[in-house]
Amino acid sequence: MFSFQYSPNRSSRVLEVEIDPRQRGPGMWDVNCKIYEQSDGKRLLLGPALSLRGIAAASEEECLDEAEIRIADDIEHDRWFKL
């Protein structure tokens, strides 16, 4: 499990993104993602979990980099959930 903090461009909110990569086969990865936000001292899950399938990457690190890019793009364009 890997996590990073992300602050959307149009918001002062800080989100915590968890990514769980799984290697499907040589050079092919799937990841499951969840986004959390701290609110009133509680950790809240925002929206449904997201599955990204078929990420072509030579290593887990490359997979995580690509997943971060896709997740940020989905958040910024309200494709995963509305902020």
PDB file of N, CA and C in Angstrom:
ATOM      1  N   MET A   1       0.847  -1.168   0.000  1.00  0.00           N
ATOM      2  CA  MET A   1       0.000   0.000   0.000  1.00  0.00           C
ATOM      3  C   MET A   1       0.903   1.245   0.000  1.00  0.00           C
ATOM      4  N   PHE A   2       0.568   2.168  -0.850  1.00  0.00           N
ATOM      5  CA  PHE A   2       1.305   3.415  -0.986  1.00  0.00           C
ATOM      6  C   PHE A   2       0.304   4.549  -0.798  1.00  0.00           C
ATOM      7  N   SER A   3       0.693   5.625  -0.154  1.00  0.00           N
ATOM      8  CA  SER A   3      -0.219   6.763  -0.023  1.00  0.00           C
ATOM      9  C   SER A   3       0.537   8.066  -0.262  1.00  0.00           C
ATOM     10  N   PHE A   4      -0.224   9.057  -0.717  1.00  0.00           N
ATOM     11  CA  PHE A   4       0.334  10.393  -0.902  1.00  0.00           C
ATOM     12  C   PHE A   4      -0.752  11.413  -0.629  1.00  0.00           C
ATOM     13  N   GLN A   5      -0.328  12.644  -0.343  1.00  0.00           N
ATOM     14  CA  GLN A   5      -1.290  13.720  -0.126  1.00  0.00           C
ATOM     15  C   GLN A   5      -1.441  14.511  -1.413  1.00  0.00           C
ATOM     16  N   TYR A   6      -2.674  14.925  -1.659  1.00  0.00           N
ATOM     17  CA  TYR A   6      -2.970  15.676  -2.875  1.00  0.00           C
ATOM     18  C   TYR A   6      -3.884  16.832  -2.523  1.00  0.00           C
ATOM     19  N   SER A   7      -3.547  18.004  -3.025  1.00  0.00           N
ATOM     20  CA  SER A   7      -4.375  19.187  -2.816  1.00  0.00           C
ATOM     21  C   SER A   7      -4.889  19.657  -4.174  1.00  0.00           C
ATOM     22  N   PRO A   8      -6.186  19.492  -4.433  1.00  0.00           N
ATOM     23  CA  PRO A   8      -6.735  19.904  -5.724  1.00  0.00           C
ATOM     24  C   PRO A   8      -6.505  21.390  -5.996  1.00  0.00           C
ATOM     25  N   ASN A   9      -6.319  21.727  -7.273  1.00  0.00           N
ATOM     26  CA  ASN A   9      -6.004  23.102  -7.665  1.00  0.00           C
ATOM     27  C   ASN A   9      -7.029  24.117  -7.208  1.00  0.00           C
ATOM     28  N   ARG A  10      -8.295  23.787  -7.273  1.00  0.00           N
ATOM     29  CA  ARG A  10      -9.334  24.753  -6.970  1.00  0.00           C
ATOM     30  C   ARG A  10      -9.810  24.678  -5.518  1.00  0.00           C
ATOM     31  N   SER A  11      -9.027  24.069  -4.650  1.00  0.00           N
ATOM     32  CA  SER A  11      -9.461  23.851  -3.282  1.00  0.00           C
ATOM     33  C   SER A  11      -8.286  23.966  -2.315  1.00  0.00           C
ATOM     34  N   SER A  12      -8.590  24.309  -1.089  1.00  0.00           N
ATOM     35  CA  SER A  12      -7.555  24.332  -0.048  1.00  0.00           C
ATOM     36  C   SER A  12      -7.553  23.011   0.724  1.00  0.00           C
ATOM     37  N   ARG A  13      -8.366  22.079   0.291  1.00  0.00           N
ATOM     38  CA  ARG A  13      -8.459  20.782   0.946  1.00  0.00           C
ATOM     39  C   ARG A  13      -7.207  19.951   0.695  1.00  0.00           C
ATOM     40  N   VAL A  14      -6.878  19.116   1.658  1.00  0.00           N
ATOM     41  CA  VAL A  14      -5.771  18.169   1.509  1.00  0.00           C
ATOM     42  C   VAL A  14      -6.356  16.773   1.595  1.00  0.00           C
ATOM     43  N   LEU A  15      -6.174  16.017   0.542  1.00  0.00           N
ATOM     44  CA  LEU A  15      -6.711  14.666   0.457  1.00  0.00           C
ATOM     45  C   LEU A  15      -5.584  13.659   0.609  1.00  0.00           C
ATOM     46  N   GLU A  16      -5.883  12.540   1.219  1.00  0.00           N
ATOM     47  CA  GLU A  16      -4.918  11.446   1.303  1.00  0.00           C
ATOM     48  C   GLU A  16      -5.373  10.353   0.352  1.00  0.00           C
ATOM     49  N   VAL A  17      -4.507  10.002  -0.578  1.00  0.00           N
ATOM     50  CA  VAL A  17      -4.820   8.997  -1.588  1.00  0.00           C
ATOM     51  C   VAL A  17      -4.041   7.727  -1.271  1.00  0.00           C
ATOM     52  N   GLU A  18      -4.753   6.613  -1.168  1.00  0.00           N
ATOM     53  CA  GLU A  18      -4.119   5.307  -0.964  1.00  0.00           C
ATOM     54  C   GLU A  18      -4.175   4.532  -2.269  1.00  0.00           C
ATOM     55  N   ILE A  19      -3.045   3.953  -2.643  1.00  0.00           N
ATOM     56  CA  ILE A  19      -2.948   3.160  -3.870  1.00  0.00           C
ATOM     57  C   ILE A  19      -2.414   1.775  -3.503  1.00  0.00           C
ATOM     58  N   ASP A  20      -3.127   0.756  -3.965  1.00  0.00           N
ATOM     59  CA  ASP A  20      -2.715  -0.623  -3.723  1.00  0.00           C
ATOM     60  C   ASP A  20      -2.447  -1.284  -5.080  1.00  0.00           C
ATOM     61  N   PRO A  21      -1.168  -1.344  -5.501  1.00  0.00           N
ATOM     62  CA  PRO A  21      -0.848  -1.917  -6.813  1.00  0.00           C
ATOM     63  C   PRO A  21      -0.779  -3.449  -6.780  1.00  0.00           C
ATOM     64  N   ARG A  22      -1.193  -4.047  -7.883  1.00  0.00           N
ATOM     65  CA  ARG A  22      -1.100  -5.504  -8.065  1.00  0.00           C
ATOM     66  C   ARG A  22      -0.582  -5.775  -9.467  1.00  0.00           C
ATOM     67  N   GLN A  23       0.470  -6.577  -9.548  1.00  0.00           N
ATOM     68  CA  GLN A  23       1.006  -6.915 -10.866  1.00  0.00           C
ATOM     69  C   GLN A  23       0.158  -8.030 -11.474  1.00  0.00           C
ATOM     70  N   ARG A  24      -0.402  -7.756 -12.642  1.00  0.00           N
ATOM     71  CA  ARG A  24      -1.266  -8.715 -13.341  1.00  0.00           C
ATOM     72  C   ARG A  24      -0.425  -9.703 -14.144  1.00  0.00           C
ATOM     73  N   GLY A  25       0.651  -9.226 -14.700  1.00  0.00           N
ATOM     74  CA  GLY A  25       1.554 -10.035 -15.505  1.00  0.00           C
ATOM     75  C   GLY A  25       2.775  -9.187 -15.805  1.00  0.00           C
ATOM     76  N   PRO A  26       3.721  -9.704 -16.559  1.00  0.00           N
ATOM     77  CA  PRO A  26       4.908  -8.919 -16.874  1.00  0.00           C
ATOM     78  C   PRO A  26       4.540  -7.585 -17.547  1.00  0.00           C
ATOM     79  N   GLY A  27       4.930  -6.493 -16.911  1.00  0.00           N
ATOM     80  CA  GLY A  27       4.712  -5.165 -17.487  1.00  0.00           C
ATOM     81  C   GLY A  27       3.284  -4.654 -17.420  1.00  0.00           C
ATOM     82  N   MET A  28       2.389  -5.335 -16.698  1.00  0.00           N
ATOM     83  CA  MET A  28       0.992  -4.914 -16.624  1.00  0.00           C
ATOM     84  C   MET A  28       0.531  -4.900 -15.166  1.00  0.00           C
ATOM     85  N   TRP A  29      -0.097  -3.784 -14.775  1.00  0.00           N
ATOM     86  CA  TRP A  29      -0.492  -3.573 -13.389  1.00  0.00           C
ATOM     87  C   TRP A  29      -1.944  -3.130 -13.289  1.00  0.00           C
ATOM     88  N   ASP A  30      -2.559  -3.436 -12.161  1.00  0.00           N
ATOM     89  CA  ASP A  30      -3.859  -2.911 -11.764  1.00  0.00           C
ATOM     90  C   ASP A  30      -3.663  -2.235 -10.415  1.00  0.00           C
ATOM     91  N   VAL A  31      -4.421  -1.193 -10.149  1.00  0.00           N
ATOM     92  CA  VAL A  31      -4.346  -0.546  -8.839  1.00  0.00           C
ATOM     93  C   VAL A  31      -5.761  -0.270  -8.324  1.00  0.00           C
ATOM     94  N   ASN A  32      -5.915  -0.389  -7.034  1.00  0.00           N
ATOM     95  CA  ASN A  32      -7.135   0.010  -6.344  1.00  0.00           C
ATOM     96  C   ASN A  32      -6.795   1.263  -5.543  1.00  0.00           C
ATOM     97  N   CYS A  33      -7.674   2.246  -5.603  1.00  0.00           N
ATOM     98  CA  CYS A  33      -7.399   3.542  -4.984  1.00  0.00           C
ATOM     99  C   CYS A  33      -8.562   3.969  -4.095  1.00  0.00           C
ATOM    100  N   LYS A  34      -8.233   4.651  -3.014  1.00  0.00           N
ATOM    101  CA  LYS A  34      -9.222   5.255  -2.123  1.00  0.00           C
ATOM    102  C   LYS A  34      -8.729   6.645  -1.758  1.00  0.00           C
ATOM    103  N   ILE A  35      -9.669   7.560  -1.579  1.00  0.00           N
ATOM    104  CA  ILE A  35      -9.327   8.923  -1.171  1.00  0.00           C
ATOM    105  C   ILE A  35      -9.995   9.209   0.162  1.00  0.00           C
ATOM    106  N   TYR A  36      -9.213   9.760   1.073  1.00  0.00           N
ATOM    107  CA  TYR A  36      -9.696  10.112   2.399  1.00  0.00           C
ATOM    108  C   TYR A  36      -9.455  11.596   2.653  1.00  0.00           C
ATOM    109  N   GLU A  37     -10.254  12.140   3.589  1.00  0.00           N
ATOM    110  CA  GLU A  37     -10.064  13.518   4.032  1.00  0.00           C
ATOM    111  C   GLU A  37     -10.304  13.555   5.539  1.00  0.00           C
ATOM    112  N   GLN A  38      -9.497  14.336   6.248  1.00  0.00           N
ATOM    113  CA  GLN A  38      -9.697  14.538   7.674  1.00  0.00           C
ATOM    114  C   GLN A  38     -10.778  15.594   7.868  1.00  0.00           C
ATOM    115  N   SER A  39     -11.770  15.291   8.686  1.00  0.00           N
ATOM    116  CA  SER A  39     -12.840  16.238   8.975  1.00  0.00           C
ATOM    117  C   SER A  39     -13.302  16.025  10.410  1.00  0.00           C
ATOM    118  N   ASP A  40     -13.220  17.064  11.202  1.00  0.00           N
ATOM    119  CA  ASP A  40     -13.614  16.991  12.614  1.00  0.00           C
ATOM    120  C   ASP A  40     -12.913  15.846  13.337  1.00  0.00           C
ATOM    121  N   GLY A  41     -11.645  15.664  13.039  1.00  0.00           N
ATOM    122  CA  GLY A  41     -10.859  14.629  13.700  1.00  0.00           C
ATOM    123  C   GLY A  41     -11.142  13.217  13.217  1.00  0.00           C
ATOM    124  N   LYS A  42     -11.955  13.078  12.195  1.00  0.00           N
ATOM    125  CA  LYS A  42     -12.273  11.763  11.649  1.00  0.00           C
ATOM    126  C   LYS A  42     -11.720  11.638  10.241  1.00  0.00           C
ATOM    127  N   ARG A  43     -11.349  10.431   9.878  1.00  0.00           N
ATOM    128  CA  ARG A  43     -10.858  10.137   8.529  1.00  0.00           C
ATOM    129  C   ARG A  43     -12.038   9.619   7.704  1.00  0.00           C
ATOM    130  N   LEU A  44     -12.453  10.406   6.714  1.00  0.00           N
ATOM    131  CA  LEU A  44     -13.625  10.077   5.914  1.00  0.00           C
ATOM    132  C   LEU A  44     -13.233   9.594   4.525  1.00  0.00           C
ATOM    133  N   LEU A  45     -13.855   8.509   4.087  1.00  0.00           N
ATOM    134  CA  LEU A  45     -13.665   8.009   2.731  1.00  0.00           C
ATOM    135  C   LEU A  45     -14.528   8.847   1.797  1.00  0.00           C
ATOM    136  N   LEU A  46     -13.916   9.419   0.760  1.00  0.00           N
ATOM    137  CA  LEU A  46     -14.645  10.239  -0.198  1.00  0.00           C
ATOM    138  C   LEU A  46     -14.951   9.421  -1.442  1.00  0.00           C
ATOM    139  N   GLY A  47     -16.196   9.286  -1.760  1.00  0.00           N
ATOM    140  CA  GLY A  47     -16.577   8.584  -2.977  1.00  0.00           C
ATOM    141  C   GLY A  47     -16.265   7.111  -2.918  1.00  0.00           C
ATOM    142  N   PRO A  48     -16.564   6.415  -4.002  1.00  0.00           N
ATOM    143  CA  PRO A  48     -16.287   4.981  -4.064  1.00  0.00           C
ATOM    144  C   PRO A  48     -14.806   4.722  -4.323  1.00  0.00           C
ATOM    145  N   ALA A  49     -14.385   3.502  -4.047  1.00  0.00           N
ATOM    146  CA  ALA A  49     -13.020   3.111  -4.410  1.00  0.00           C
ATOM    147  C   ALA A  49     -12.922   3.112  -5.933  1.00  0.00           C
ATOM    148  N   LEU A  50     -11.748   3.398  -6.433  1.00  0.00           N
ATOM    149  CA  LEU A  50     -11.505   3.448  -7.873  1.00  0.00           C
ATOM    150  C   LEU A  50     -10.523   2.352  -8.247  1.00  0.00           C
ATOM    151  N   SER A  51     -10.816   1.638  -9.307  1.00  0.00           N
ATOM    152  CA  SER A  51      -9.899   0.624  -9.833  1.00  0.00           C
ATOM    153  C   SER A  51      -9.374   1.112 -11.172  1.00  0.00           C
ATOM    154  N   LEU A  52      -8.069   1.143 -11.289  1.00  0.00           N
ATOM    155  CA  LEU A  52      -7.418   1.454 -12.565  1.00  0.00           C
ATOM    156  C   LEU A  52      -6.823   0.154 -13.075  1.00  0.00           C
ATOM    157  N   ARG A  53      -7.210  -0.231 -14.273  1.00  0.00           N
ATOM    158  CA  ARG A  53      -6.778  -1.509 -14.832  1.00  0.00           C
ATOM    159  C   ARG A  53      -5.862  -1.303 -16.030  1.00  0.00           C
ATOM    160  N   GLY A  54      -4.951  -2.225 -16.183  1.00  0.00           N
ATOM    161  CA  GLY A  54      -4.115  -2.248 -17.372  1.00  0.00           C
ATOM    162  C   GLY A  54      -3.104  -1.125 -17.478  1.00  0.00           C
ATOM    163  N   ILE A  55      -2.423  -0.816 -16.384  1.00  0.00           N
ATOM    164  CA  ILE A  55      -1.367   0.195 -16.428  1.00  0.00           C
ATOM    165  C   ILE A  55      -0.085  -0.484 -16.901  1.00  0.00           C
ATOM    166  N   ALA A  56       0.404  -0.047 -18.040  1.00  0.00           N
ATOM    167  CA  ALA A  56       1.653  -0.603 -18.575  1.00  0.00           C
ATOM    168  C   ALA A  56       2.820   0.062 -17.861  1.00  0.00           C
ATOM    169  N   ALA A  57       3.618  -0.738 -17.161  1.00  0.00           N
ATOM    170  CA  ALA A  57       4.760  -0.209 -16.419  1.00  0.00           C
ATOM    171  C   ALA A  57       5.766  -1.329 -16.183  1.00  0.00           C
ATOM    172  N   ALA A  58       7.031  -0.988 -16.268  1.00  0.00           N
ATOM    173  CA  ALA A  58       8.094  -1.967 -16.089  1.00  0.00           C
ATOM    174  C   ALA A  58       8.354  -2.286 -14.618  1.00  0.00           C
ATOM    175  N   SER A  59       7.915  -1.398 -13.720  1.00  0.00           N
ATOM    176  CA  SER A  59       8.176  -1.596 -12.294  1.00  0.00           C
ATOM    177  C   SER A  59       7.012  -1.053 -11.470  1.00  0.00           C
ATOM    178  N   GLU A  60       6.988  -1.416 -10.209  1.00  0.00           N
ATOM    179  CA  GLU A  60       5.950  -0.898  -9.313  1.00  0.00           C
ATOM    180  C   GLU A  60       6.044   0.625  -9.209  1.00  0.00           C
ATOM    181  N   GLU A  61       7.257   1.151  -9.168  1.00  0.00           N
ATOM    182  CA  GLU A  61       7.446   2.605  -9.083  1.00  0.00           C
ATOM    183  C   GLU A  61       6.850   3.312 -10.295  1.00  0.00           C
ATOM    184  N   GLU A  62       7.064   2.794 -11.488  1.00  0.00           N
ATOM    185  CA  GLU A  62       6.466   3.372 -12.700  1.00  0.00           C
ATOM    186  C   GLU A  62       4.943   3.294 -12.645  1.00  0.00           C
ATOM    187  N   CYS A  63       4.430   2.193 -12.152  1.00  0.00           N
ATOM    188  CA  CYS A  63       2.990   2.017 -12.012  1.00  0.00           C
ATOM    189  C   CYS A  63       2.426   3.074 -11.065  1.00  0.00           C
ATOM    190  N   LEU A  64       3.069   3.279  -9.924  1.00  0.00           N
ATOM    191  CA  LEU A  64       2.606   4.271  -8.950  1.00  0.00           C
ATOM    192  C   LEU A  64       2.640   5.676  -9.537  1.00  0.00           C
ATOM    193  N   ASP A  65       3.697   5.986 -10.290  1.00  0.00           N
ATOM    194  CA  ASP A  65       3.787   7.307 -10.928  1.00  0.00           C
ATOM    195  C   ASP A  65       2.630   7.526 -11.900  1.00  0.00           C
ATOM    196  N   GLU A  66       2.342   6.535 -12.724  1.00  0.00           N
ATOM    197  CA  GLU A  66       1.249   6.650 -13.692  1.00  0.00           C
ATOM    198  C   GLU A  66      -0.096   6.732 -12.978  1.00  0.00           C
ATOM    199  N   ALA A  67      -0.274   5.944 -11.917  1.00  0.00           N
ATOM    200  CA  ALA A  67      -1.524   5.977 -11.156  1.00  0.00           C
ATOM    201  C   ALA A  67      -1.741   7.361 -10.538  1.00  0.00           C
ATOM    202  N   GLU A  68      -0.692   7.962  -9.985  1.00  0.00           N
ATOM    203  CA  GLU A  68      -0.801   9.314  -9.410  1.00  0.00           C
ATOM    204  C   GLU A  68      -1.267  10.322 -10.458  1.00  0.00           C
ATOM    205  N   ILE A  69      -0.705  10.242 -11.644  1.00  0.00           N
ATOM    206  CA  ILE A  69      -1.081  11.161 -12.727  1.00  0.00           C
ATOM    207  C   ILE A  69      -2.553  10.980 -13.098  1.00  0.00           C
ATOM    208  N   ARG A  70      -2.981   9.728 -13.263  1.00  0.00           N
ATOM    209  CA  ARG A  70      -4.382   9.458 -13.636  1.00  0.00           C
ATOM    210  C   ARG A  70      -5.352   9.891 -12.539  1.00  0.00           C
ATOM    211  N   ILE A  71      -5.000   9.618 -11.292  1.00  0.00           N
ATOM    212  CA  ILE A  71      -5.867   9.976 -10.166  1.00  0.00           C
ATOM    213  C   ILE A  71      -6.011  11.488 -10.068  1.00  0.00           C
ATOM    214  N   ALA A  72      -4.897  12.206 -10.160  1.00  0.00           N
ATOM    215  CA  ALA A  72      -4.951  13.677 -10.094  1.00  0.00           C
ATOM    216  C   ALA A  72      -5.819  14.229 -11.210  1.00  0.00           C
ATOM    217  N   ASP A  73      -5.684  13.689 -12.403  1.00  0.00           N
ATOM    218  CA  ASP A  73      -6.484  14.148 -13.537  1.00  0.00           C
ATOM    219  C   ASP A  73      -7.968  13.867 -13.295  1.00  0.00           C
ATOM    220  N   ASP A  74      -8.283  12.688 -12.773  1.00  0.00           N
ATOM    221  CA  ASP A  74      -9.680  12.352 -12.481  1.00  0.00           C
ATOM    222  C   ASP A  74     -10.266  13.284 -11.420  1.00  0.00           C
ATOM    223  N   ILE A  75      -9.490  13.611 -10.398  1.00  0.00           N
ATOM    224  CA  ILE A  75      -9.968  14.518  -9.348  1.00  0.00           C
ATOM    225  C   ILE A  75     -10.198  15.910  -9.921  1.00  0.00           C
ATOM    226  N   GLU A  76      -9.231  16.411 -10.667  1.00  0.00           N
ATOM    227  CA  GLU A  76      -9.328  17.771 -11.203  1.00  0.00           C
ATOM    228  C   GLU A  76     -10.496  17.937 -12.171  1.00  0.00           C
ATOM    229  N   HIS A  77     -10.876  16.870 -12.848  1.00  0.00           N
ATOM    230  CA  HIS A  77     -11.957  16.950 -13.832  1.00  0.00           C
ATOM    231  C   HIS A  77     -13.262  16.307 -13.339  1.00  0.00           C
ATOM    232  N   ASP A  78     -13.352  16.109 -12.022  1.00  0.00           N
ATOM    233  CA  ASP A  78     -14.573  15.585 -11.381  1.00  0.00           C
ATOM    234  C   ASP A  78     -15.073  14.283 -12.002  1.00  0.00           C
ATOM    235  N   ARG A  79     -14.158  13.428 -12.452  1.00  0.00           N
ATOM    236  CA  ARG A  79     -14.576  12.158 -13.047  1.00  0.00           C
ATOM    237  C   ARG A  79     -14.756  11.063 -11.992  1.00  0.00           C
ATOM    238  N   TRP A  80     -14.136  11.223 -10.851  1.00  0.00           N
ATOM    239  CA  TRP A  80     -14.229  10.202  -9.816  1.00  0.00           C
ATOM    240  C   TRP A  80     -15.343  10.556  -8.840  1.00  0.00           C
ATOM    241  N   PHE A  81     -15.319  11.795  -8.354  1.00  0.00           N
ATOM    242  CA  PHE A  81     -16.343  12.302  -7.451  1.00  0.00           C
ATOM    243  C   PHE A  81     -16.261  13.827  -7.463  1.00  0.00           C
ATOM    244  N   LYS A  82     -17.307  14.494  -7.015  1.00  0.00           N
ATOM    245  CA  LYS A  82     -17.351  15.952  -6.962  1.00  0.00           C
ATOM    246  C   LYS A  82     -16.746  16.430  -5.646  1.00  0.00           C
ATOM    247  N   LEU A  83     -15.862  17.425  -5.730  1.00  0.00           N
ATOM    248  CA  LEU A  83     -15.325  18.011  -4.504  1.00  0.00           C
ATOM    249  C   LEU A  83     -16.300  18.985  -3.910  1.00  0.00           C
TER     250      LEU A  83
END
